[in-house]
C-alpha atoms as a PDB file:
ATOM      1  CA  PRO A   1       0.140   0.037   0.445  1.00  0.00           C
ATOM      2  CA  LYS A   2       1.150   3.509  -0.953  1.00  0.00           C
ATOM      3  CA  THR A   3       1.172   6.046   1.769  1.00  0.00           C
ATOM      4  CA  THR A   4       0.967  10.032   1.595  1.00  0.00           C
ATOM      5  CA  THR A   5       2.314  12.230   4.012  1.00  0.00           C
ATOM      6  CA  THR A   6       0.882  15.764   4.390  1.00  0.00           C
ATOM      7  CA  LYS A   7       3.015  18.245   5.226  1.00  0.00           C
ATOM      8  CA  LYS A   8       1.541  21.269   7.336  1.00  0.00           C
ATOM      9  CA  ILE A   9       2.956  24.470   6.275  1.00  0.00           C
ATOM     10  CA  SER A  10       2.849  27.075   9.487  1.00  0.00           C
ATOM     11  CA  HIS A  11       4.758  30.286  10.101  1.00  0.00           C
ATOM     12  CA  HIS A  12       6.131  30.324  13.701  1.00  0.00           C
ATOM     13  CA  SER A  13       7.767  33.301  13.226  1.00  0.00           C
ATOM     14  CA  PRO A  14       7.076  36.702  14.904  1.00  0.00           C
ATOM     15  CA  HIS A  15       7.170  38.227  11.131  1.00  0.00           C
ATOM     16  CA  PRO A  16       4.586  37.625   8.193  1.00  0.00           C
ATOM     17  CA  PRO A  17       5.961  36.589   5.209  1.00  0.00           C
ATOM     18  CA  PRO A  18       6.924  39.111   3.062  1.00  0.00           C
ATOM     19  CA  LEU A  19       4.562  40.557   0.835  1.00  0.00           C
ATOM     20  CA  CYS A  20       5.649  39.888  -3.176  1.00  0.00           C
ATOM     21  CA  PHE A  21       4.372  43.038  -5.600  1.00  0.00           C
ATOM     22  CA  THR A  22       5.489  42.494  -8.891  1.00  0.00           C
ATOM     23  CA  PHE A  23       4.192  45.612 -11.271  1.00  0.00           C
ATOM     24  CA  PRO A  24       3.070  44.521 -14.876  1.00  0.00           C
ATOM     25  CA  ASP A  25       5.273  44.254 -17.560  1.00  0.00           C
ATOM     26  CA  ALA A  26       5.184  47.338 -20.220  1.00  0.00           C
ATOM     27  CA  LYS A  27       2.486  45.447 -22.052  1.00  0.00           C
ATOM     28  CA  THR A  28       0.244  44.689 -19.750  1.00  0.00           C
ATOM     29  CA  THR A  29       0.248  48.523 -18.592  1.00  0.00           C
ATOM     30  CA  SER A  30      -0.655  49.816 -22.250  1.00  0.00           C
ATOM     31  CA  THR A  31      -3.426  47.800 -22.571  1.00  0.00           C
ATOM     32  CA  ILE A  32      -4.618  48.871 -19.032  1.00  0.00           C
ATOM     33  CA  LEU A  33      -3.769  52.440 -19.895  1.00  0.00           C
ATOM     34  CA  THR A  34      -5.579  52.537 -23.380  1.00  0.00           C
ATOM     35  CA  GLN A  35      -8.917  50.279 -21.693  1.00  0.00           C
ATOM     36  CA  THR A  36      -9.125  53.046 -19.290  1.00  0.00           C
ATOM     37  CA  ALA A  37      -8.812  55.602 -21.822  1.00  0.00           C
ATOM     38  CA  SER A  38     -10.908  54.153 -24.181  1.00  0.00           C
ATOM     39  CA  ILE A  39     -13.897  53.937 -21.629  1.00  0.00           C
ATOM     40  CA  LEU A  40     -13.756  57.366 -20.604  1.00  0.00           C
ATOM     41  CA  ALA A  41     -13.966  59.039 -23.766  1.00  0.00           C
ATOM     42  CA  THR A  42     -16.530  56.391 -24.398  1.00  0.00           C
ATOM     43  CA  TYR A  43     -18.681  58.096 -21.075  1.00  0.00           C
ATOM     44  CA  THR A  44     -17.531  61.609 -22.116  1.00  0.00           C
ATOM     45  CA  CYS A  45     -18.732  61.312 -25.594  1.00  0.00           C
ATOM     46  CA  LEU A  46     -22.370  59.519 -24.289  1.00  0.00           C
ATOM     47  CA  VAL A  47     -22.649  62.146 -21.848  1.00  0.00           C
ATOM     48  CA  THR A  48     -21.891  64.891 -24.090  1.00  0.00           C
ATOM     49  CA  TYR A  49     -24.459  63.331 -26.815  1.00  0.00           C
ATOM     50  CA  PHE A  50     -27.416  63.214 -23.922  1.00  0.00           C
ATOM     51  CA  ASP A  51     -27.055  66.184 -22.156  1.00  0.00           C
ATOM     52  CA  ARG A  52     -25.891  68.929 -25.024  1.00  0.00           C
ATOM     53  CA  PRO A  53     -27.636  71.562 -24.580  1.00  0.00           C
ATOM     54  CA  ARG A  54     -30.983  71.756 -27.530  1.00  0.00           C
ATOM     55  CA  GLY A  55     -32.576  74.954 -29.000  1.00  0.00           C
ATOM     56  CA  LYS A  56     -31.722  77.622 -31.854  1.00  0.00           C
ATOM     57  CA  LEU A  57     -32.284  81.232 -32.262  1.00  0.00           C
ATOM     58  CA  ILE A  58     -33.311  81.716 -35.805  1.00  0.00           C
ATOM     59  CA  ILE A  59     -34.474  85.349 -35.939  1.00  0.00           C
ATOM     60  CA  ASN A  60     -31.655  87.677 -35.840  1.00  0.00           C
ATOM     61  CA  SER A  61     -31.129  88.608 -32.455  1.00  0.00           C
ATOM     62  CA  SER A  62     -30.985  92.397 -33.272  1.00  0.00           C
ATOM     63  CA  ASN A  63     -34.620  92.065 -33.570  1.00  0.00           C
ATOM     64  CA  LEU A  64     -34.982  90.830 -29.747  1.00  0.00           C
ATOM     65  CA  LEU A  65     -34.430  92.694 -26.462  1.00  0.00           C
ATOM     66  CA  CYS A  66     -34.356  91.215 -22.995  1.00  0.00           C
ATOM     67  CA  LYS A  67     -35.438  93.372 -20.320  1.00  0.00           C
ATOM     68  CA  GLN A  68     -38.065  93.989 -17.096  1.00  0.00           C
ATOM     69  CA  SER A  69     -40.919  91.884 -18.074  1.00  0.00           C
ATOM     70  CA  ASN A  70     -44.902  93.928 -17.919  1.00  0.00           C
ATOM     71  CA  VAL A  71     -45.704  91.063 -16.274  1.00  0.00           C
ATOM     72  CA  PRO A  72     -46.197  91.316 -12.374  1.00  0.00           C
ATOM     73  CA  ASN A  73     -43.267  89.805 -10.880  1.00  0.00           C
ATOM     74  CA  ALA A  74     -41.912  88.017 -14.141  1.00  0.00           C
ATOM     75  CA  GLY A  75     -38.567  89.432 -13.812  1.00  0.00           C
ATOM     76  CA  LEU A  76     -36.824  89.498 -17.309  1.00  0.00           C
ATOM     77  CA  GLY A  77     -39.178  89.223 -20.193  1.00  0.00           C
ATOM     78  CA  LEU A  78     -38.410  89.225 -24.303  1.00  0.00           C
ATOM     79  CA  PHE A  79     -39.589  91.800 -26.837  1.00  0.00           C
ATOM     80  CA  VAL A  80     -38.883  92.477 -30.286  1.00  0.00           C
ATOM     81  CA  THR A  81     -37.626  94.990 -31.155  1.00  0.00           C
ATOM     82  CA  LYS A  82     -39.619  95.765 -34.872  1.00  0.00           C
ATOM     83  CA  SER A  83     -42.905  94.765 -36.097  1.00  0.00           C
ATOM     84  CA  LEU A  84     -42.565  90.862 -36.896  1.00  0.00           C
ATOM     85  CA  PRO A  85     -44.724  89.540 -39.733  1.00  0.00           C
ATOM     86  CA  ALA A  86     -47.699  86.786 -38.262  1.00  0.00           C
ATOM     87  CA  GLY A  87     -46.019  83.353 -38.365  1.00  0.00           C
ATOM     88  CA  THR A  88     -42.513  84.410 -37.943  1.00  0.00           C
ATOM     89  CA  VAL A  89     -40.653  81.497 -36.596  1.00  0.00           C
ATOM     90  CA  LEU A  90     -38.011  82.868 -33.494  1.00  0.00           C
ATOM     91  CA  GLY A  91     -36.397  79.659 -32.754  1.00  0.00           C
ATOM     92  CA  THR A  92     -36.687  76.235 -30.880  1.00  0.00           C
ATOM     93  CA  TYR A  93     -36.712  76.217 -27.329  1.00  0.00           C
ATOM     94  CA  PRO A  94     -33.573  76.041 -25.618  1.00  0.00           C
ATOM     95  CA  GLY A  95     -32.087  73.720 -22.625  1.00  0.00           C
ATOM     96  CA  VAL A  96     -31.331  70.142 -22.206  1.00  0.00           C
ATOM     97  CA  VAL A  97     -34.244  67.738 -22.656  1.00  0.00           C
ATOM     98  CA  ARG A  98     -34.626  65.100 -19.861  1.00  0.00           C
ATOM     99  CA  PRO A  99     -36.795  62.447 -18.100  1.00  0.00           C
ATOM    100  CA  SER A 100     -39.451  64.000 -16.136  1.00  0.00           C
ATOM    101  CA  ASN A 101     -38.880  62.041 -12.974  1.00  0.00           C
ATOM    102  CA  LYS A 102     -34.751  62.691 -13.166  1.00  0.00           C
ATOM    103  CA  TYR A 103     -35.923  66.581 -13.149  1.00  0.00           C
ATOM    104  CA  PHE A 104     -38.111  66.381 -10.161  1.00  0.00           C
ATOM    105  CA  THR A 105     -35.187  66.132  -7.567  1.00  0.00           C
ATOM    106  CA  LYS A 106     -33.560  69.446  -9.081  1.00  0.00           C
ATOM    107  CA  TYR A 107     -37.301  70.862  -9.186  1.00  0.00           C
ATOM    108  CA  VAL A 108     -37.684  70.141  -5.678  1.00  0.00           C
ATOM    109  CA  ASN A 109     -34.133  71.498  -4.394  1.00  0.00           C
ATOM    110  CA  TYR A 110     -34.692  74.705  -6.488  1.00  0.00           C
ATOM    111  CA  PRO A 111     -38.667  75.394  -7.317  1.00  0.00           C
ATOM    112  CA  ASP A 112     -37.741  78.260  -9.187  1.00  0.00           C
ATOM    113  CA  SER A 113     -36.479  76.398 -12.348  1.00  0.00           C
ATOM    114  CA  GLN A 114     -39.864  75.168 -13.151  1.00  0.00           C
ATOM    115  CA  GLY A 115     -40.700  78.509 -14.233  1.00  0.00           C
ATOM    116  CA  TYR A 116     -38.329  77.836 -17.339  1.00  0.00           C
ATOM    117  CA  THR A 117     -38.920  74.442 -17.954  1.00  0.00           C
ATOM    118  CA  TRP A 118     -41.041  73.450 -20.797  1.00  0.00           C
ATOM    119  CA  ARG A 119     -42.824  70.014 -20.569  1.00  0.00           C
ATOM    120  CA  LEU A 120     -43.062  68.137 -23.925  1.00  0.00           C
ATOM    121  CA  ASN A 121     -46.063  66.331 -25.399  1.00  0.00           C
ATOM    122  CA  LYS A 122     -44.396  63.501 -24.386  1.00  0.00           C
ATOM    123  CA  VAL A 123     -45.330  63.257 -20.467  1.00  0.00           C
ATOM    124  CA  ASN A 124     -42.124  61.782 -19.548  1.00  0.00           C
ATOM    125  CA  GLU A 125     -39.625  64.668 -20.838  1.00  0.00           C
ATOM    126  CA  ILE A 126     -39.061  68.085 -20.188  1.00  0.00           C
ATOM    127  CA  ILE A 127     -36.736  70.416 -21.433  1.00  0.00           C
ATOM    128  CA  ASP A 128     -34.703  72.626 -19.160  1.00  0.00           C
ATOM    129  CA  PRO A 129     -32.610  75.299 -19.580  1.00  0.00           C
ATOM    130  CA  THR A 130     -31.420  76.358 -16.777  1.00  0.00           C
ATOM    131  CA  ASP A 131     -27.982  75.887 -14.699  1.00  0.00           C
ATOM    132  CA  SER A 132     -26.801  73.892 -11.998  1.00  0.00           C
ATOM    133  CA  LYS A 133     -28.656  75.485  -9.389  1.00  0.00           C
ATOM    134  CA  GLY A 134     -31.485  76.127 -11.125  1.00  0.00           C
ATOM    135  CA  VAL A 135     -30.634  79.867 -12.463  1.00  0.00           C
ATOM    136  CA  LEU A 136     -31.531  80.940 -16.296  1.00  0.00           C
ATOM    137  CA  GLN A 137     -28.204  82.302 -17.531  1.00  0.00           C
ATOM    138  CA  ASP A 138     -27.687  83.958 -20.733  1.00  0.00           C
ATOM    139  CA  VAL A 139     -26.407  80.836 -22.558  1.00  0.00           C
ATOM    140  CA  CYS A 140     -27.530  77.030 -21.878  1.00  0.00           C
ATOM    141  CA  TYR A 141     -24.250  74.776 -21.678  1.00  0.00           C
ATOM    142  CA  GLY A 142     -25.720  71.608 -21.330  1.00  0.00           C
ATOM    143  CA  GLY A 143     -25.272  69.016 -18.736  1.00  0.00           C
ATOM    144  CA  SER A 144     -27.547  67.420 -15.375  1.00  0.00           C
ATOM    145  CA  ASP A 145     -27.507  65.370 -12.620  1.00  0.00           C
ATOM    146  CA  ASP A 146     -28.209  62.512 -14.410  1.00  0.00           C
ATOM    147  CA  TYR A 147     -24.537  61.498 -15.422  1.00  0.00           C
ATOM    148  CA  VAL A 148     -21.918  62.043 -13.023  1.00  0.00           C
ATOM    149  CA  GLY A 149     -19.426  65.032 -14.164  1.00  0.00           C
ATOM    150  CA  SER A 150     -22.215  66.111 -16.905  1.00  0.00           C
ATOM    151  CA  TYR A 151     -22.125  69.762 -15.696  1.00  0.00           C
ATOM    152  CA  PHE A 152     -18.066  69.743 -15.501  1.00  0.00           C
ATOM    153  CA  ILE A 153     -18.062  68.120 -19.224  1.00  0.00           C
ATOM    154  CA  HIS A 154     -20.521  70.794 -20.382  1.00  0.00           C
ATOM    155  CA  GLN A 155     -19.414  73.584 -18.477  1.00  0.00           C
ATOM    156  CA  VAL A 156     -15.613  73.278 -18.472  1.00  0.00           C
ATOM    157  CA  LEU A 157     -14.504  70.894 -21.683  1.00  0.00           C
ATOM    158  CA  TRP A 158     -17.083  72.128 -23.906  1.00  0.00           C
ATOM    159  CA  ARG A 159     -18.465  75.648 -22.655  1.00  0.00           C
ATOM    160  CA  PHE A 160     -17.756  76.753 -26.640  1.00  0.00           C
ATOM    161  CA  TRP A 161     -21.277  74.574 -27.278  1.00  0.00           C
ATOM    162  CA  SER A 162     -23.815  76.361 -25.759  1.00  0.00           C
ATOM    163  CA  VAL A 163     -26.881  77.873 -26.911  1.00  0.00           C
ATOM    164  CA  THR A 164     -28.441  81.224 -25.872  1.00  0.00           C
ATOM    165  CA  THR A 165     -31.877  81.660 -23.620  1.00  0.00           C
ATOM    166  CA  LEU A 166     -33.455  84.243 -24.854  1.00  0.00           C
ATOM    167  CA  LEU A 167     -36.358  81.966 -26.023  1.00  0.00           C
ATOM    168  CA  ALA A 168     -36.728  80.795 -22.411  1.00  0.00           C
ATOM    169  CA  ARG A 169     -37.220  84.524 -21.798  1.00  0.00           C
ATOM    170  CA  ILE A 170     -40.998  84.394 -23.056  1.00  0.00           C
ATOM    171  CA  ASN A 171     -43.501  85.564 -20.217  1.00  0.00           C
ATOM    172  CA  GLU A 172     -47.053  84.538 -20.511  1.00  0.00           C
ATOM    173  CA  PRO A 173     -49.523  87.274 -19.149  1.00  0.00           C
ATOM    174  CA  PRO A 174     -51.789  86.040 -16.598  1.00  0.00           C
ATOM    175  CA  LEU A 175     -54.655  84.222 -17.610  1.00  0.00           C
ATOM    176  CA  GLY A 176     -57.584  86.678 -18.391  1.00  0.00           C
ATOM    177  CA  VAL A 177     -55.196  89.989 -19.211  1.00  0.00           C
ATOM    178  CA  GLY A 178     -54.130  89.056 -22.472  1.00  0.00           C
ATOM    179  CA  GLY A 179     -51.370  90.574 -24.726  1.00  0.00           C
ATOM    180  CA  CYS A 180     -49.440  87.182 -25.745  1.00  0.00           C
ATOM    181  CA  SER A 181     -48.487  87.185 -28.782  1.00  0.00           C
ATOM    182  CA  VAL A 182     -46.589  83.932 -29.067  1.00  0.00           C
ATOM    183  CA  GLU A 183     -47.710  80.917 -30.447  1.00  0.00           C
ATOM    184  CA  THR A 184     -45.905  77.119 -30.003  1.00  0.00           C
ATOM    185  CA  GLU A 185     -45.407  74.072 -31.596  1.00  0.00           C
ATOM    186  CA  VAL A 186     -44.064  70.795 -30.558  1.00  0.00           C
ATOM    187  CA  ASP A 187     -41.778  68.673 -32.765  1.00  0.00           C
ATOM    188  CA  GLU A 188     -40.950  65.309 -31.427  1.00  0.00           C
ATOM    189  CA  GLU A 189     -38.675  64.140 -33.568  1.00  0.00           C
ATOM    190  CA  ARG A 190     -36.006  67.029 -32.732  1.00  0.00           C
END
């Protein structure tokens, strides 16, 4: 009969065994760095696409003037500097298209932002022209709380890519007062 002997290894030394760490070779390091850069580039591109600022001012901005609104407690309003023909298209509403449920947190923290958001016909989406604190600036750089680093990507890296928020200054007078001469259409394809 064959017998096997098992030898139990134990350390009775007061010092733990030495740790051995070897650095990866150059090829492995290069692969890790390449994959990390690829992941970061992909993430940045996706965030840039989804949180990009949308909207466009079609009319020449010299035809518009932003000043104190005639609507009580409305802040700034948008006025034309000359008479425009009926049906003149001013542009498309500025902002970042977001799911309504994700915007809710911003609304709770910054309720004034609600005055500038526009609910699209799709009940689950809004367009938000405000910054990270719910304030309407002169331009919308894009970004949202939906993705980590989104505001940084849009307001620092892609700062040149912005849209004017002039059209977000259009105020509708209170019901019964009259005077609103703006018509809106929603194009779900854009």
